[in-house]
Structures are given as structure tokens and as C-alpha cells.
Protein backbone atom coordinates (compact mmCIF):
# COMPACT_ATOMS: atom_id res chain seq x y z
CA MET A 1 -11.12 -7.04 12.66
CA TRP A 2 -8.93 -4.65 10.76
CA PRO A 3 -5.18 -5.05 11.13
CA ARG A 4 -3.40 -3.08 13.87
CA ILE A 5 0.02 -1.50 13.47
CA GLY A 6 1.77 -0.06 16.49
CA GLY A 7 -1.56 -0.15 18.32
CA LEU A 8 -3.31 1.86 15.58
CA ARG A 9 -6.16 0.58 13.41
CA ALA A 10 -5.19 0.29 9.76
CA LEU A 11 -6.67 2.54 7.08
CA ALA A 12 -6.49 0.65 3.78
CA LEU A 13 -7.83 2.92 1.05
CA GLY A 14 -9.48 1.52 -2.08
CA THR A 15 -8.49 -1.88 -3.33
CA PRO A 16 -4.96 -3.31 -3.50
CA GLY A 17 -2.89 -2.36 -6.52
CA GLY A 18 -2.77 0.87 -8.46
CA LEU A 19 -5.86 2.37 -6.82
CA ARG A 20 -4.53 2.03 -3.27
CA ALA A 21 -1.13 3.39 -4.30
CA ASP A 22 -2.75 6.37 -6.03
CA LEU A 23 -4.98 7.14 -3.04
CA ASN A 24 -2.08 6.82 -0.58
CA ASN A 25 -0.02 9.19 -2.72
CA LEU A 26 -2.87 11.73 -2.64
CA VAL A 27 -2.92 11.52 1.17
CA LEU A 28 0.85 11.84 1.45
CA ALA A 29 0.75 14.87 -0.88
CA GLY A 30 -1.90 16.52 1.31
CA VAL A 31 -4.50 16.47 -1.49
CA LYS A 32 -6.78 13.79 -0.01
CA THR A 33 -8.15 14.75 3.41
CA ALA A 34 -11.31 12.63 3.45
CA THR A 35 -12.55 9.17 2.59
CA ALA A 36 -15.92 7.46 2.39
CA GLY A 37 -16.86 3.95 3.47
CA LEU A 38 -19.91 1.80 3.85
CA ILE A 39 -21.37 1.47 7.34
CA GLY A 40 -21.94 -2.24 6.68
CA GLU A 41 -18.19 -2.84 6.48
CA TYR A 42 -17.86 -1.89 10.15
CA ALA A 43 -20.44 -4.46 11.25
CA GLU A 44 -18.89 -7.14 9.01
CA GLU A 45 -15.47 -6.53 10.55
CA ASN A 46 -16.79 -6.07 14.12
CA GLU A 47 -15.26 -2.58 14.23
CA GLU A 48 -16.52 0.63 15.82
CA LEU A 49 -16.63 3.91 13.92
CA GLU A 50 -13.54 6.05 14.11
CA HIS A 51 -13.65 9.02 16.48
CA VAL A 52 -12.23 12.54 16.32
CA GLY A 53 -8.65 12.49 17.52
CA GLU A 54 -8.09 8.81 16.71
CA ARG A 55 -4.93 8.08 14.76
CA LEU A 56 -4.93 5.49 12.00
CA ALA A 57 -2.07 3.70 10.27
CA LEU A 58 -2.25 4.32 6.52
CA VAL A 59 -1.16 1.05 4.90
CA ASP A 60 -0.12 -0.25 1.50
CA ASP A 61 -1.11 -3.49 -0.23
CA HIS A 62 0.93 -5.55 2.24
CA ASP A 63 -0.32 -3.77 5.38
CA ALA A 64 3.00 -1.97 5.66
CA LEU A 65 2.84 1.49 7.23
CA VAL A 66 3.13 4.41 4.82
CA GLY A 67 1.83 7.16 7.11
CA VAL A 68 -0.31 8.14 10.07
CA VAL A 69 -3.49 10.21 9.84
CA GLU A 70 -5.60 11.75 12.59
CA ILE A 71 -9.39 11.76 12.33
CA THR A 72 -10.81 15.30 12.38
CA GLY A 73 -14.44 14.49 11.56
CA VAL A 74 -16.83 11.53 11.40
CA GLU A 75 -20.33 11.69 9.99
CA VAL A 76 -22.76 9.02 8.77
CA VAL A 77 -25.08 10.20 6.00
CA ARG A 78 -27.26 8.77 3.26
CA PHE A 79 -25.41 8.29 -0.04
CA ALA A 80 -27.73 10.87 -1.62
CA ASP A 81 -26.82 13.38 1.12
CA VAL A 82 -23.02 13.29 0.89
CA PRO A 83 -22.14 16.96 0.39
CA TRP A 84 -19.96 18.28 -2.41
CA GLU A 85 -17.59 19.84 0.14
CA PHE A 86 -16.84 16.36 1.47
CA ALA A 87 -16.54 14.78 -1.99
CA ARG A 88 -14.11 17.51 -3.06
CA ALA A 89 -12.00 16.85 0.07
CA GLU A 90 -11.51 13.27 -1.11
CA GLY A 91 -9.14 14.80 -3.66
CA GLU A 92 -9.81 12.25 -6.40
CA GLY A 93 -10.49 14.73 -9.19
CA ASP A 94 -14.29 14.62 -9.31
CA ARG A 95 -15.71 17.79 -10.86
CA SER A 96 -19.19 17.56 -9.30
CA ILE A 97 -21.14 15.68 -6.67
CA GLU A 98 -22.88 13.78 -9.46
CA GLU A 99 -19.53 12.60 -10.80
CA TRP A 100 -18.48 11.59 -7.28
CA ARG A 101 -21.70 9.62 -6.76
CA ALA A 102 -21.39 7.88 -10.13
CA GLY A 103 -17.76 6.91 -9.49
CA HIS A 104 -18.26 5.74 -5.92
CA GLY A 105 -21.50 3.94 -6.78
CA ALA A 106 -19.73 2.07 -9.58
CA TYR A 107 -16.76 1.25 -7.30
CA TRP A 108 -18.95 -0.25 -4.57
CA ALA A 109 -21.01 -2.16 -7.15
CA ARG A 110 -17.77 -3.70 -8.51
CA GLN A 111 -16.93 -4.71 -4.92
CA GLY A 112 -20.25 -6.55 -4.68
CA THR A 113 -22.15 -3.99 -2.60
CA PRO A 114 -24.37 -1.83 -4.80
CA VAL A 115 -25.53 1.35 -3.08
CA THR A 116 -28.80 3.23 -3.24
CA ASP A 117 -29.64 6.79 -2.26
CA ASP A 118 -30.47 5.47 1.22
CA SER A 119 -27.23 3.53 1.78
CA GLN A 120 -25.41 4.72 4.90
CA ILE A 121 -21.99 6.21 4.16
CA VAL A 122 -19.29 6.89 6.75
CA CYS A 123 -17.61 10.19 5.86
CA LEU A 124 -14.20 10.46 7.49
CA ARG A 125 -12.10 13.61 7.48
CA PHE A 126 -8.47 13.43 8.48
CA ARG A 127 -5.13 15.19 8.46
CA LEU A 128 -1.74 13.69 7.75
CA ILE A 129 0.36 13.44 10.91
CA SER A 130 3.42 11.68 9.54
CA ALA A 131 4.66 9.84 6.50
CA GLU A 132 6.69 6.63 6.11
CA GLY A 133 6.30 5.00 9.45
CA SER A 134 6.71 7.63 12.16
CA VAL A 135 3.97 6.10 14.34
CA GLY A 136 5.06 7.84 17.52
CA THR A 137 4.86 11.34 16.10
């Protein structure tokens, strides 16, 4: 199971260290409004998919709360079918869907889970509700 903070499931972006800090900063700046994950991670962690309206605790490397986001969209698509509009909403500076696919494919391969065109990707869209621990907002 993923950690819970104040009753909310944790959203831990990327891997601990500089990547997670950079991604969290993009969320807090309002630049990053989407994130992609592998459907297999949900089964491994015995977690259900997020749902529209669900609030998640955005956490740092130590599972400390840095903000709260609200899910505005959930879609599961093949890796090859992730649309550019979604990839651009991730706010990570990719200049094309091909660049996004190359970067994300390489990231997941480094994590030990290579993806193919048919890999199932969870595309989450969200909006920032609060920053720096205002869970009740």
C-alpha cells in the first residue's frame, strides 16, 4: 500500500532525490498538471486507480506533505496512444510526443520495467489545491 497522510493517499512523483524535488516544484508552480504511471504498479501495491475528485497528498523524499492535489481526470491507455496534449500537461519540457515517449520509456527501463507500445499507462490529470501541508483546504 502507498503511504497515507491525513487520510489521503500519497502521490510520490518520480524517484527520490533531485527528480522528485524538480517534479514537486513544477506542481507547486502550476506547470505540471498531469502525471503518468504504470498500471502494474497499482496491482503490485494493492491499490485502486485514483478517481475524479479524489485528493492526494503530494510528498517529498521522506513522505512529508508538500501539497495537496485533486484528481480531475483518469484514463488508462496504451503507451503508444498517450496523446501529446497529456504529455504536454506533464510540464517536464518535452517538445514532442516522441521526446516524451523516449524519456518516459528510458525512465521506466531504468526502474526495471521496460515498456512497449502496448504497456498500459495510467494518465492522471490534477489541479493543485494547496501547498505546504494545508490538508484540510
